[in-house]
Amino acid sequence: MKVLLTGATGYIGRQLALALAERNIQVNALVRDLHSLKVPKHENFFLFKGDICDYASIENAIKECSYVMHTAAYTNLKCRNIDNFYNTNVIGTENLLKAAWKHQVKKVVYTSTLSVYGPSYNQIPITETQPRITSYANDYELTKSMSEEIVRQYSKKGLSSVILNVSKVYGPGLGTYSNGVNRLISMIAKKDFLLVPNRLKSTSNYVFINDVVHAHLLAMESDVNYGRYIIGGENISYKQLFSLIKTLTQSKIKILQVNYAMVKAFFSIASIFQNLLRVAPSITPKVLDSLFVNRISSSLKAQKELNYKITPLHFGLKKTVEYLNLNS
């Protein structure tokens, strides 16, 4: 069996590529740089130079593939150019679906994000039936939502497809922009003090990378012709998360809380100067807001219909700390 995989040099994609290859599945990976050190090595791994924004290169890589795993996305929230998000997340996804439809693949598994639902309301967990109750906070959320709509359109035409809305991922793997939880773990383990906005009651959902990979395999192998599933783990506040990480890393860090409005004002002013100097901002007010909203969610549908299993947060964080070699 052959599977076309996009995003093989990303955090989720690389781990998924190795999992597929270990199952003796041929993985056709569409990559921009054939010599990237992020490309996994395995005898069942075959590289195809290209880009999802280039339809011809997809045509070359998708031949004889039974399934498509689409994990590639533009995720850099610090970018102010919506074209970067739109070209990759919307046009790229449409190109891939067009090729999958033409070559009659059995199923497309599309990796999306929990953030397309927006924040959770009070303490009510986000589920697959929740309508979005706020405007889009950034171009990433907007374009991922747009791409999901294209997936739905192709499913109505008869292309079997599954959308996986993944929450905040952590665990062993590449250090990429989207792997912010691992960076947080490293900071708490290594720093003497940390300044944070005083919104530590903000609660989010955190999912172990192994669970995300397994969910993709379950979606591929399931009898579901079309479905949308939240792939998450446990819901926990920043305050609880920091405390747990401190315990696991035996850190003595002092976490100092700063007024949120002051922090946001600081980054707003900094962004203005960075924009004038044409320097990429370290963090923007929009990024800050996206980090400090409640995203409480439930993966009950995936558990019932895909037999999805959740790794306990304490166990997953312990494995992550060991992988990062932070408690030696």
C-alpha atoms as a PDB file:
ATOM      1  CA  MET A   1       0.000   0.000   0.000  1.00  0.00           C
ATOM      2  CA  LYS A   2       1.136   3.545  -0.799  1.00  0.00           C
ATOM      3  CA  VAL A   3       0.290   6.743   1.079  1.00  0.00           C
ATOM      4  CA  LEU A   4       0.969  10.286  -0.071  1.00  0.00           C
ATOM      5  CA  LEU A   5       2.079  12.398   2.876  1.00  0.00           C
ATOM      6  CA  THR A   6       2.483  16.164   3.000  1.00  0.00           C
ATOM      7  CA  GLY A   7       4.296  17.971   5.792  1.00  0.00           C
ATOM      8  CA  ALA A   8       6.830  15.193   6.384  1.00  0.00           C
ATOM      9  CA  THR A   9       9.394  17.673   7.699  1.00  0.00           C
ATOM     10  CA  GLY A  10       6.944  19.089  10.256  1.00  0.00           C
ATOM     11  CA  TYR A  11       6.355  18.077  13.851  1.00  0.00           C
ATOM     12  CA  ILE A  12       3.289  15.870  13.328  1.00  0.00           C
ATOM     13  CA  GLY A  13       4.097  14.856   9.751  1.00  0.00           C
ATOM     14  CA  ARG A  14       7.537  13.467  10.533  1.00  0.00           C
ATOM     15  CA  GLN A  15       6.265  11.305  13.389  1.00  0.00           C
ATOM     16  CA  LEU A  16       3.383  10.110  11.211  1.00  0.00           C
ATOM     17  CA  ALA A  17       5.753   9.279   8.352  1.00  0.00           C
ATOM     18  CA  LEU A  18       7.826   7.033  10.592  1.00  0.00           C
ATOM     19  CA  ALA A  19       4.720   5.337  12.019  1.00  0.00           C
ATOM     20  CA  LEU A  20       3.421   4.559   8.522  1.00  0.00           C
ATOM     21  CA  ALA A  21       6.798   3.304   7.332  1.00  0.00           C
ATOM     22  CA  GLU A  22       7.128   1.035  10.376  1.00  0.00           C
ATOM     23  CA  ARG A  23       3.847  -0.561   9.326  1.00  0.00           C
ATOM     24  CA  ASN A  24       5.497  -1.517   6.043  1.00  0.00           C
ATOM     25  CA  ILE A  25       3.508   1.119   4.148  1.00  0.00           C
ATOM     26  CA  GLN A  26       5.262   2.955   1.319  1.00  0.00           C
ATOM     27  CA  VAL A  27       5.252   6.660   2.106  1.00  0.00           C
ATOM     28  CA  ASN A  28       5.461   9.052  -0.836  1.00  0.00           C
ATOM     29  CA  ALA A  29       6.550  12.304   0.788  1.00  0.00           C
ATOM     30  CA  LEU A  30       6.133  15.580  -1.069  1.00  0.00           C
ATOM     31  CA  VAL A  31       8.934  17.851   0.176  1.00  0.00           C
ATOM     32  CA  ARG A  32      10.398  21.157  -0.964  1.00  0.00           C
ATOM     33  CA  ASP A  33      13.977  20.264   0.005  1.00  0.00           C
ATOM     34  CA  LEU A  34      15.125  16.722  -0.735  1.00  0.00           C
ATOM     35  CA  HIS A  35      18.238  17.252   1.388  1.00  0.00           C
ATOM     36  CA  SER A  36      16.553  18.633   4.486  1.00  0.00           C
ATOM     37  CA  LEU A  37      17.881  17.158   7.715  1.00  0.00           C
ATOM     38  CA  LYS A  38      14.271  17.027   8.943  1.00  0.00           C
ATOM     39  CA  VAL A  39      13.367  14.361   6.381  1.00  0.00           C
ATOM     40  CA  PRO A  40      12.973  11.008   8.193  1.00  0.00           C
ATOM     41  CA  LYS A  41      15.068   8.064   7.088  1.00  0.00           C
ATOM     42  CA  HIS A  42      13.455   4.709   6.364  1.00  0.00           C
ATOM     43  CA  GLU A  43      13.538   2.128   3.593  1.00  0.00           C
ATOM     44  CA  ASN A  44       9.794   2.616   3.019  1.00  0.00           C
ATOM     45  CA  PHE A  45      10.191   6.349   2.614  1.00  0.00           C
ATOM     46  CA  PHE A  46      10.263   7.810  -0.920  1.00  0.00           C
ATOM     47  CA  LEU A  47      10.868  11.504  -1.581  1.00  0.00           C
ATOM     48  CA  PHE A  48       9.210  13.593  -4.277  1.00  0.00           C
ATOM     49  CA  LYS A  49      10.407  17.138  -4.775  1.00  0.00           C
ATOM     50  CA  GLY A  50       7.542  19.571  -4.943  1.00  0.00           C
ATOM     51  CA  ASP A  51       5.033  21.750  -3.163  1.00  0.00           C
ATOM     52  CA  ILE A  52       1.293  21.507  -2.628  1.00  0.00           C
ATOM     53  CA  CYS A  53       0.984  24.897  -4.324  1.00  0.00           C
ATOM     54  CA  ASP A  54       2.394  23.238  -7.477  1.00  0.00           C
ATOM     55  CA  TYR A  55      -0.277  20.887  -8.823  1.00  0.00           C
ATOM     56  CA  ALA A  56       2.069  19.127 -11.252  1.00  0.00           C
ATOM     57  CA  SER A  57       4.346  17.984  -8.430  1.00  0.00           C
ATOM     58  CA  ILE A  58       1.352  16.517  -6.575  1.00  0.00           C
ATOM     59  CA  GLU A  59       0.386  14.586  -9.702  1.00  0.00           C
ATOM     60  CA  ASN A  60       3.831  13.020  -9.754  1.00  0.00           C
ATOM     61  CA  ALA A  61       3.764  11.972  -6.103  1.00  0.00           C
ATOM     62  CA  ILE A  62       0.166  10.725  -5.811  1.00  0.00           C
ATOM     63  CA  LYS A  63       0.279   8.048  -8.516  1.00  0.00           C
ATOM     64  CA  GLU A  64      -0.869   4.623  -7.250  1.00  0.00           C
ATOM     65  CA  CYS A  65      -1.451   5.975  -3.727  1.00  0.00           C
ATOM     66  CA  SER A  66      -4.436   4.555  -1.858  1.00  0.00           C
ATOM     67  CA  TYR A  67      -4.552   7.246   0.831  1.00  0.00           C
ATOM     68  CA  VAL A  68      -3.513  10.854   1.373  1.00  0.00           C
ATOM     69  CA  MET A  69      -2.324  12.220   4.717  1.00  0.00           C
ATOM     70  CA  HIS A  70      -2.348  16.021   4.528  1.00  0.00           C
ATOM     71  CA  THR A  71      -0.485  17.519   7.506  1.00  0.00           C
ATOM     72  CA  ALA A  72       1.274  20.402   5.716  1.00  0.00           C
ATOM     73  CA  ALA A  73       0.211  23.927   6.701  1.00  0.00           C
ATOM     74  CA  TYR A  74       1.514  27.439   7.095  1.00  0.00           C
ATOM     75  CA  THR A  75       1.335  28.113  10.842  1.00  0.00           C
ATOM     76  CA  ASN A  76       3.566  31.118  11.595  1.00  0.00           C
ATOM     77  CA  LEU A  77       1.216  33.450  13.468  1.00  0.00           C
ATOM     78  CA  LYS A  78       3.882  36.169  13.491  1.00  0.00           C
ATOM     79  CA  CYS A  79       3.545  36.551   9.713  1.00  0.00           C
ATOM     80  CA  ARG A  80       1.478  39.549   8.637  1.00  0.00           C
ATOM     81  CA  ASN A  81       1.045  38.479   5.007  1.00  0.00           C
ATOM     82  CA  ILE A  82      -2.217  36.575   4.542  1.00  0.00           C
ATOM     83  CA  ASP A  83      -1.037  35.329   1.131  1.00  0.00           C
ATOM     84  CA  ASN A  84       1.366  32.924   2.836  1.00  0.00           C
ATOM     85  CA  PHE A  85      -1.500  31.382   4.792  1.00  0.00           C
ATOM     86  CA  TYR A  86      -3.953  31.398   1.895  1.00  0.00           C
ATOM     87  CA  ASN A  87      -1.613  29.912  -0.701  1.00  0.00           C
ATOM     88  CA  THR A  88      -0.556  26.949   1.446  1.00  0.00           C
ATOM     89  CA  ASN A  89      -3.623  26.300   3.574  1.00  0.00           C
ATOM     90  CA  VAL A  90      -6.348  26.963   1.012  1.00  0.00           C
ATOM     91  CA  ILE A  91      -4.968  26.706  -2.535  1.00  0.00           C
ATOM     92  CA  GLY A  92      -2.544  23.938  -1.562  1.00  0.00           C
ATOM     93  CA  THR A  93      -5.314  21.906   0.059  1.00  0.00           C
ATOM     94  CA  GLU A  94      -7.583  22.359  -2.963  1.00  0.00           C
ATOM     95  CA  ASN A  95      -4.785  21.191  -5.277  1.00  0.00           C
ATOM     96  CA  LEU A  96      -4.299  18.078  -3.177  1.00  0.00           C
ATOM     97  CA  LEU A  97      -8.017  17.256  -3.081  1.00  0.00           C
ATOM     98  CA  LYS A  98      -8.302  17.794  -6.822  1.00  0.00           C
ATOM     99  CA  ALA A  99      -5.496  15.283  -7.409  1.00  0.00           C
ATOM    100  CA  ALA A 100      -6.945  12.826  -4.874  1.00  0.00           C
ATOM    101  CA  TRP A 101     -10.334  12.988  -6.615  1.00  0.00           C
ATOM    102  CA  LYS A 102      -8.768  12.507 -10.037  1.00  0.00           C
ATOM    103  CA  HIS A 103      -6.684   9.508  -8.924  1.00  0.00           C
ATOM    104  CA  GLN A 104      -9.578   7.991  -6.941  1.00  0.00           C
ATOM    105  CA  VAL A 105      -7.750   7.591  -3.644  1.00  0.00           C
ATOM    106  CA  LYS A 106      -9.670   5.713  -0.960  1.00  0.00           C
ATOM    107  CA  LYS A 107      -9.514   8.444   1.664  1.00  0.00           C
ATOM    108  CA  VAL A 108      -7.952  11.784   2.572  1.00  0.00           C
ATOM    109  CA  VAL A 109      -7.079  12.448   6.206  1.00  0.00           C
ATOM    110  CA  TYR A 110      -6.773  16.193   6.747  1.00  0.00           C
ATOM    111  CA  THR A 111      -4.945  17.601   9.768  1.00  0.00           C
ATOM    112  CA  SER A 112      -6.660  20.733  11.019  1.00  0.00           C
ATOM    113  CA  THR A 113      -6.692  22.591  14.314  1.00  0.00           C
ATOM    114  CA  LEU A 114      -8.984  22.969  17.309  1.00  0.00           C
ATOM    115  CA  SER A 115      -8.631  26.743  17.006  1.00  0.00           C
ATOM    116  CA  VAL A 116     -11.035  26.838  14.029  1.00  0.00           C
ATOM    117  CA  TYR A 117     -13.830  26.500  16.599  1.00  0.00           C
ATOM    118  CA  GLY A 118     -12.667  29.613  18.413  1.00  0.00           C
ATOM    119  CA  PRO A 119     -12.561  29.842  22.218  1.00  0.00           C
ATOM    120  CA  SER A 120     -14.742  27.707  24.472  1.00  0.00           C
ATOM    121  CA  TYR A 121     -17.654  29.360  26.255  1.00  0.00           C
ATOM    122  CA  ASN A 122     -17.373  29.421  30.062  1.00  0.00           C
ATOM    123  CA  GLN A 123     -16.556  25.853  31.133  1.00  0.00           C
ATOM    124  CA  ILE A 124     -18.437  24.169  28.280  1.00  0.00           C
ATOM    125  CA  PRO A 125     -16.103  21.911  26.245  1.00  0.00           C
ATOM    126  CA  ILE A 126     -15.856  22.466  22.499  1.00  0.00           C
ATOM    127  CA  THR A 127     -17.420  19.630  20.513  1.00  0.00           C
ATOM    128  CA  GLU A 128     -17.708  18.970  16.795  1.00  0.00           C
ATOM    129  CA  THR A 129     -21.227  20.435  16.698  1.00  0.00           C
ATOM    130  CA  GLN A 130     -20.283  23.796  18.248  1.00  0.00           C
ATOM    131  CA  PRO A 131     -20.689  26.768  15.922  1.00  0.00           C
ATOM    132  CA  ARG A 132     -17.983  29.403  16.075  1.00  0.00           C
ATOM    133  CA  ILE A 133     -19.169  32.212  18.358  1.00  0.00           C
ATOM    134  CA  THR A 134     -16.411  34.766  17.725  1.00  0.00           C
ATOM    135  CA  SER A 135     -14.659  36.319  14.733  1.00  0.00           C
ATOM    136  CA  TYR A 136     -11.426  34.737  13.523  1.00  0.00           C
ATOM    137  CA  ALA A 137      -8.487  35.762  15.664  1.00  0.00           C
ATOM    138  CA  ASN A 138      -5.812  35.394  12.955  1.00  0.00           C
ATOM    139  CA  ASP A 139      -5.177  34.409   9.342  1.00  0.00           C
ATOM    140  CA  TYR A 140      -4.199  30.873  10.336  1.00  0.00           C
ATOM    141  CA  GLU A 141      -7.592  30.140  11.898  1.00  0.00           C
ATOM    142  CA  LEU A 142      -9.382  31.762   8.962  1.00  0.00           C
ATOM    143  CA  THR A 143      -7.554  29.861   6.225  1.00  0.00           C
ATOM    144  CA  LYS A 144      -7.728  26.515   8.045  1.00  0.00           C
ATOM    145  CA  SER A 145     -11.486  26.982   8.332  1.00  0.00           C
ATOM    146  CA  MET A 146     -11.660  27.831   4.636  1.00  0.00           C
ATOM    147  CA  SER A 147      -9.693  24.706   3.761  1.00  0.00           C
ATOM    148  CA  GLU A 148     -12.048  22.561   5.851  1.00  0.00           C
ATOM    149  CA  GLU A 149     -14.940  23.881   3.768  1.00  0.00           C
ATOM    150  CA  ILE A 150     -13.146  22.726   0.607  1.00  0.00           C
ATOM    151  CA  VAL A 151     -12.706  19.274   2.154  1.00  0.00           C
ATOM    152  CA  ARG A 152     -16.455  19.194   2.825  1.00  0.00           C
ATOM    153  CA  GLN A 153     -17.194  20.174  -0.779  1.00  0.00           C
ATOM    154  CA  TYR A 154     -15.099  17.308  -2.112  1.00  0.00           C
ATOM    155  CA  SER A 155     -16.694  14.882   0.339  1.00  0.00           C
ATOM    156  CA  LYS A 156     -20.101  15.822  -1.116  1.00  0.00           C
ATOM    157  CA  LYS A 157     -18.721  14.890  -4.538  1.00  0.00           C
ATOM    158  CA  GLY A 158     -17.857  11.451  -3.163  1.00  0.00           C
ATOM    159  CA  LEU A 159     -14.248  11.785  -1.969  1.00  0.00           C
ATOM    160  CA  SER A 160     -13.943   9.980   1.354  1.00  0.00           C
ATOM    161  CA  SER A 161     -12.300  12.326   3.843  1.00  0.00           C
ATOM    162  CA  VAL A 162     -11.746  12.791   7.566  1.00  0.00           C
ATOM    163  CA  ILE A 163     -10.887  16.085   9.293  1.00  0.00           C
ATOM    164  CA  LEU A 164      -8.893  15.899  12.524  1.00  0.00           C
ATOM    165  CA  ASN A 165      -9.034  19.031  14.696  1.00  0.00           C
ATOM    166  CA  VAL A 166      -5.919  18.720  16.825  1.00  0.00           C
ATOM    167  CA  SER A 167      -5.472  20.608  20.115  1.00  0.00           C
ATOM    168  CA  LYS A 168      -2.095  21.783  21.532  1.00  0.00           C
ATOM    169  CA  VAL A 169       0.431  19.047  20.789  1.00  0.00           C
ATOM    170  CA  TYR A 170       3.440  18.155  22.910  1.00  0.00           C
ATOM    171  CA  GLY A 171       5.883  15.265  23.121  1.00  0.00           C
ATOM    172  CA  PRO A 172       9.043  13.889  21.492  1.00  0.00           C
ATOM    173  CA  GLY A 173       9.825  15.196  18.026  1.00  0.00           C
ATOM    174  CA  LEU A 174      11.177  18.050  15.981  1.00  0.00           C
ATOM    175  CA  GLY A 175      11.493  21.505  17.470  1.00  0.00           C
ATOM    176  CA  THR A 176       9.254  23.541  15.153  1.00  0.00           C
ATOM    177  CA  TYR A 177       7.279  26.785  15.412  1.00  0.00           C
ATOM    178  CA  SER A 178       4.094  24.878  16.202  1.00  0.00           C
ATOM    179  CA  ASN A 179       5.758  22.941  19.015  1.00  0.00           C
ATOM    180  CA  GLY A 180       5.348  25.674  21.630  1.00  0.00           C
ATOM    181  CA  VAL A 181       4.541  23.378  24.559  1.00  0.00           C
ATOM    182  CA  ASN A 182       7.932  21.698  24.343  1.00  0.00           C
ATOM    183  CA  ARG A 183       9.620  25.110  24.336  1.00  0.00           C
ATOM    184  CA  LEU A 184       7.646  26.057  27.441  1.00  0.00           C
ATOM    185  CA  ILE A 185       8.802  22.880  29.181  1.00  0.00           C
ATOM    186  CA  SER A 186      12.432  23.686  28.348  1.00  0.00           C
ATOM    187  CA  MET A 187      12.087  27.268  29.627  1.00  0.00           C
ATOM    188  CA  ILE A 188      10.600  26.182  32.939  1.00  0.00           C
ATOM    189  CA  ALA A 189      13.325  23.586  33.368  1.00  0.00           C
ATOM    190  CA  LYS A 190      16.256  25.864  32.532  1.00  0.00           C
ATOM    191  CA  LYS A 191      15.365  29.413  33.606  1.00  0.00           C
ATOM    192  CA  ASP A 192      15.568  30.947  37.076  1.00  0.00           C
ATOM    193  CA  PHE A 193      12.491  33.103  36.560  1.00  0.00           C
ATOM    194  CA  LEU A 194       9.771  33.607  33.985  1.00  0.00           C
ATOM    195  CA  LEU A 195       7.545  36.629  33.364  1.00  0.00           C
ATOM    196  CA  VAL A 196       4.033  35.667  32.270  1.00  0.00           C
ATOM    197  CA  PRO A 197       0.746  37.546  31.747  1.00  0.00           C
ATOM    198  CA  ASN A 198      -1.606  37.294  34.720  1.00  0.00           C
ATOM    199  CA  ARG A 199      -4.106  35.061  32.949  1.00  0.00           C
ATOM    200  CA  LEU A 200      -2.924  31.740  34.339  1.00  0.00           C
ATOM    201  CA  LYS A 201      -6.504  30.549  34.785  1.00  0.00           C
ATOM    202  CA  SER A 202      -6.749  30.266  30.990  1.00  0.00           C
ATOM    203  CA  THR A 203      -7.460  26.622  30.244  1.00  0.00           C
ATOM    204  CA  SER A 204      -6.535  24.685  27.114  1.00  0.00           C
ATOM    205  CA  ASN A 205      -6.449  21.125  25.889  1.00  0.00           C
ATOM    206  CA  TYR A 206      -3.124  19.322  25.478  1.00  0.00           C
ATOM    207  CA  VAL A 207      -2.568  16.169  23.424  1.00  0.00           C
ATOM    208  CA  PHE A 208       0.412  13.796  23.316  1.00  0.00           C
ATOM    209  CA  ILE A 209       2.059  13.451  19.891  1.00  0.00           C
ATOM    210  CA  ASN A 210       1.729   9.651  19.919  1.00  0.00           C
ATOM    211  CA  ASP A 211      -2.042  10.008  20.322  1.00  0.00           C
ATOM    212  CA  VAL A 212      -2.202  12.395  17.346  1.00  0.00           C
ATOM    213  CA  VAL A 213      -0.258   9.976  15.151  1.00  0.00           C
ATOM    214  CA  HIS A 214      -2.431   7.073  16.257  1.00  0.00           C
ATOM    215  CA  ALA A 215      -5.574   9.087  15.505  1.00  0.00           C
ATOM    216  CA  HIS A 216      -4.415   9.571  11.911  1.00  0.00           C
ATOM    217  CA  LEU A 217      -3.898   5.835  11.508  1.00  0.00           C
ATOM    218  CA  LEU A 218      -7.295   5.093  13.049  1.00  0.00           C
ATOM    219  CA  ALA A 219      -8.963   7.606  10.713  1.00  0.00           C
ATOM    220  CA  MET A 220      -7.263   6.066   7.694  1.00  0.00           C
ATOM    221  CA  GLU A 221      -8.273   2.512   8.622  1.00  0.00           C
ATOM    222  CA  SER A 222     -11.818   3.310   9.772  1.00  0.00           C
ATOM    223  CA  ASP A 223     -15.002   2.778   7.782  1.00  0.00           C
ATOM    224  CA  VAL A 224     -15.865   6.472   8.163  1.00  0.00           C
ATOM    225  CA  ASN A 225     -16.424   8.046   4.743  1.00  0.00           C
ATOM    226  CA  TYR A 226     -16.689  11.560   6.099  1.00  0.00           C
ATOM    227  CA  GLY A 227     -16.202  12.830   9.601  1.00  0.00           C
ATOM    228  CA  ARG A 228     -14.808  15.625  11.720  1.00  0.00           C
ATOM    229  CA  TYR A 229     -13.109  14.721  14.978  1.00  0.00           C
ATOM    230  CA  ILE A 230     -11.491  16.671  17.794  1.00  0.00           C
ATOM    231  CA  ILE A 231      -8.198  14.997  18.668  1.00  0.00           C
ATOM    232  CA  GLY A 232      -7.192  16.153  22.123  1.00  0.00           C
ATOM    233  CA  GLY A 233      -6.150  15.098  25.581  1.00  0.00           C
ATOM    234  CA  GLU A 234      -6.681  16.662  28.995  1.00  0.00           C
ATOM    235  CA  ASN A 235      -7.920  20.163  29.786  1.00  0.00           C
ATOM    236  CA  ILE A 236      -5.699  22.079  32.198  1.00  0.00           C
ATOM    237  CA  SER A 237      -5.023  25.704  33.155  1.00  0.00           C
ATOM    238  CA  TYR A 238      -1.650  27.374  32.721  1.00  0.00           C
ATOM    239  CA  LYS A 239      -1.291  27.525  36.496  1.00  0.00           C
ATOM    240  CA  GLN A 240      -1.793  23.768  36.811  1.00  0.00           C
ATOM    241  CA  LEU A 241       0.415  23.066  33.793  1.00  0.00           C
ATOM    242  CA  PHE A 242       3.296  25.172  35.123  1.00  0.00           C
ATOM    243  CA  SER A 243       3.061  23.441  38.498  1.00  0.00           C
ATOM    244  CA  LEU A 244       3.097  19.988  36.914  1.00  0.00           C
ATOM    245  CA  ILE A 245       6.093  20.800  34.691  1.00  0.00           C
ATOM    246  CA  LYS A 246       7.985  22.278  37.650  1.00  0.00           C
ATOM    247  CA  THR A 247       7.433  19.058  39.592  1.00  0.00           C
ATOM    248  CA  LEU A 248       8.498  16.790  36.736  1.00  0.00           C
ATOM    249  CA  THR A 249      11.640  18.823  35.947  1.00  0.00           C
ATOM    250  CA  GLN A 250      12.424  19.536  39.623  1.00  0.00           C
ATOM    251  CA  SER A 251      12.625  23.189  38.632  1.00  0.00           C
ATOM    252  CA  LYS A 252      13.049  25.995  41.180  1.00  0.00           C
ATOM    253  CA  ILE A 253      11.895  28.646  38.713  1.00  0.00           C
ATOM    254  CA  LYS A 254      10.036  31.681  40.004  1.00  0.00           C
ATOM    255  CA  ILE A 255       7.055  32.557  37.835  1.00  0.00           C
ATOM    256  CA  LEU A 256       6.187  36.248  38.058  1.00  0.00           C
ATOM    257  CA  GLN A 257       2.817  37.470  36.807  1.00  0.00           C
ATOM    258  CA  VAL A 258       2.529  40.765  34.915  1.00  0.00           C
ATOM    259  CA  ASN A 259      -0.637  42.711  34.119  1.00  0.00           C
ATOM    260  CA  TYR A 260      -2.024  41.387  30.823  1.00  0.00           C
ATOM    261  CA  ALA A 261      -2.954  44.808  29.446  1.00  0.00           C
ATOM    262  CA  MET A 262       0.599  46.053  30.072  1.00  0.00           C
ATOM    263  CA  VAL A 263       2.109  43.035  28.326  1.00  0.00           C
ATOM    264  CA  LYS A 264      -0.179  43.480  25.326  1.00  0.00           C
ATOM    265  CA  ALA A 265       0.623  47.199  25.132  1.00  0.00           C
ATOM    266  CA  PHE A 266       4.338  46.427  25.207  1.00  0.00           C
ATOM    267  CA  PHE A 267       4.096  43.989  22.306  1.00  0.00           C
ATOM    268  CA  SER A 268       1.862  46.386  20.371  1.00  0.00           C
ATOM    269  CA  ILE A 269       4.520  49.123  20.585  1.00  0.00           C
ATOM    270  CA  ALA A 270       7.307  46.638  19.838  1.00  0.00           C
ATOM    271  CA  SER A 271       5.441  45.394  16.761  1.00  0.00           C
ATOM    272  CA  ILE A 272       5.181  48.939  15.385  1.00  0.00           C
ATOM    273  CA  PHE A 273       8.945  49.464  15.598  1.00  0.00           C
ATOM    274  CA  GLN A 274       9.696  45.991  14.264  1.00  0.00           C
ATOM    275  CA  ASN A 275       7.401  46.664  11.327  1.00  0.00           C
ATOM    276  CA  LEU A 276       9.174  49.961  10.584  1.00  0.00           C
ATOM    277  CA  LEU A 277      12.527  48.172  10.739  1.00  0.00           C
ATOM    278  CA  ARG A 278      11.128  45.299   8.660  1.00  0.00           C
ATOM    279  CA  VAL A 279      12.084  42.840  11.359  1.00  0.00           C
ATOM    280  CA  ALA A 280       9.918  39.817  12.077  1.00  0.00           C
ATOM    281  CA  PRO A 281       8.124  40.392  15.391  1.00  0.00           C
ATOM    282  CA  SER A 282       9.000  38.121  18.298  1.00  0.00           C
ATOM    283  CA  ILE A 283       5.339  38.034  19.288  1.00  0.00           C
ATOM    284  CA  THR A 284       2.295  40.058  18.271  1.00  0.00           C
ATOM    285  CA  PRO A 285      -0.818  41.077  20.227  1.00  0.00           C
ATOM    286  CA  LYS A 286      -2.852  38.618  18.135  1.00  0.00           C
ATOM    287  CA  VAL A 287      -0.501  35.782  19.001  1.00  0.00           C
ATOM    288  CA  LEU A 288      -0.694  36.759  22.658  1.00  0.00           C
ATOM    289  CA  ASP A 289      -4.496  36.754  22.597  1.00  0.00           C
ATOM    290  CA  SER A 290      -4.552  33.349  20.901  1.00  0.00           C
ATOM    291  CA  LEU A 291      -2.424  31.926  23.708  1.00  0.00           C
ATOM    292  CA  PHE A 292      -4.565  33.246  26.536  1.00  0.00           C
ATOM    293  CA  VAL A 293      -8.107  32.183  25.698  1.00  0.00           C
ATOM    294  CA  ASN A 294      -9.965  29.151  27.015  1.00  0.00           C
ATOM    295  CA  ARG A 295      -9.989  26.191  24.624  1.00  0.00           C
ATOM    296  CA  ILE A 296     -11.602  23.464  26.689  1.00  0.00           C
ATOM    297  CA  SER A 297     -12.591  20.573  24.443  1.00  0.00           C
ATOM    298  CA  SER A 298     -13.885  17.011  24.331  1.00  0.00           C
ATOM    299  CA  SER A 299     -12.681  14.097  22.169  1.00  0.00           C
ATOM    300  CA  LEU A 300     -15.611  11.858  23.085  1.00  0.00           C
ATOM    301  CA  LYS A 301     -16.752  11.503  19.463  1.00  0.00           C
ATOM    302  CA  ALA A 302     -13.307  10.270  18.364  1.00  0.00           C
ATOM    303  CA  GLN A 303     -13.189   7.897  21.330  1.00  0.00           C
ATOM    304  CA  LYS A 304     -16.558   6.403  20.418  1.00  0.00           C
ATOM    305  CA  GLU A 305     -16.293   6.277  16.632  1.00  0.00           C
ATOM    306  CA  LEU A 306     -12.552   5.818  16.030  1.00  0.00           C
ATOM    307  CA  ASN A 307     -11.631   3.984  19.238  1.00  0.00           C
ATOM    308  CA  TYR A 308      -9.276   6.867  19.994  1.00  0.00           C
ATOM    309  CA  LYS A 309      -7.332   6.632  23.269  1.00  0.00           C
ATOM    310  CA  ILE A 310      -5.941   9.491  25.375  1.00  0.00           C
ATOM    311  CA  THR A 311      -2.566   9.349  27.097  1.00  0.00           C
ATOM    312  CA  PRO A 312      -2.731  10.849  30.623  1.00  0.00           C
ATOM    313  CA  LEU A 313      -1.093  14.290  30.685  1.00  0.00           C
ATOM    314  CA  HIS A 314       1.230  13.456  33.577  1.00  0.00           C
ATOM    315  CA  PHE A 315       2.587  10.398  31.737  1.00  0.00           C
ATOM    316  CA  GLY A 316       2.964  12.259  28.425  1.00  0.00           C
ATOM    317  CA  LEU A 317       4.784  15.193  30.032  1.00  0.00           C
ATOM    318  CA  LYS A 318       7.091  12.803  31.873  1.00  0.00           C
ATOM    319  CA  LYS A 319       8.028  11.141  28.578  1.00  0.00           C
ATOM    320  CA  THR A 320       8.576  14.575  27.019  1.00  0.00           C
ATOM    321  CA  VAL A 321      10.856  15.697  29.857  1.00  0.00           C
ATOM    322  CA  GLU A 322      12.875  12.491  29.458  1.00  0.00           C
ATOM    323  CA  TYR A 323      13.121  13.036  25.698  1.00  0.00           C
ATOM    324  CA  LEU A 324      14.304  16.631  26.170  1.00  0.00           C
ATOM    325  CA  ASN A 325      16.779  15.390  28.794  1.00  0.00           C
ATOM    326  CA  LEU A 326      15.730  18.057  31.284  1.00  0.00           C
ATOM    327  CA  ASN A 327      15.677  16.209  34.590  1.00  0.00           C
ATOM    328  CA  SER A 328      19.181  14.737  34.563  1.00  0.00           C
END
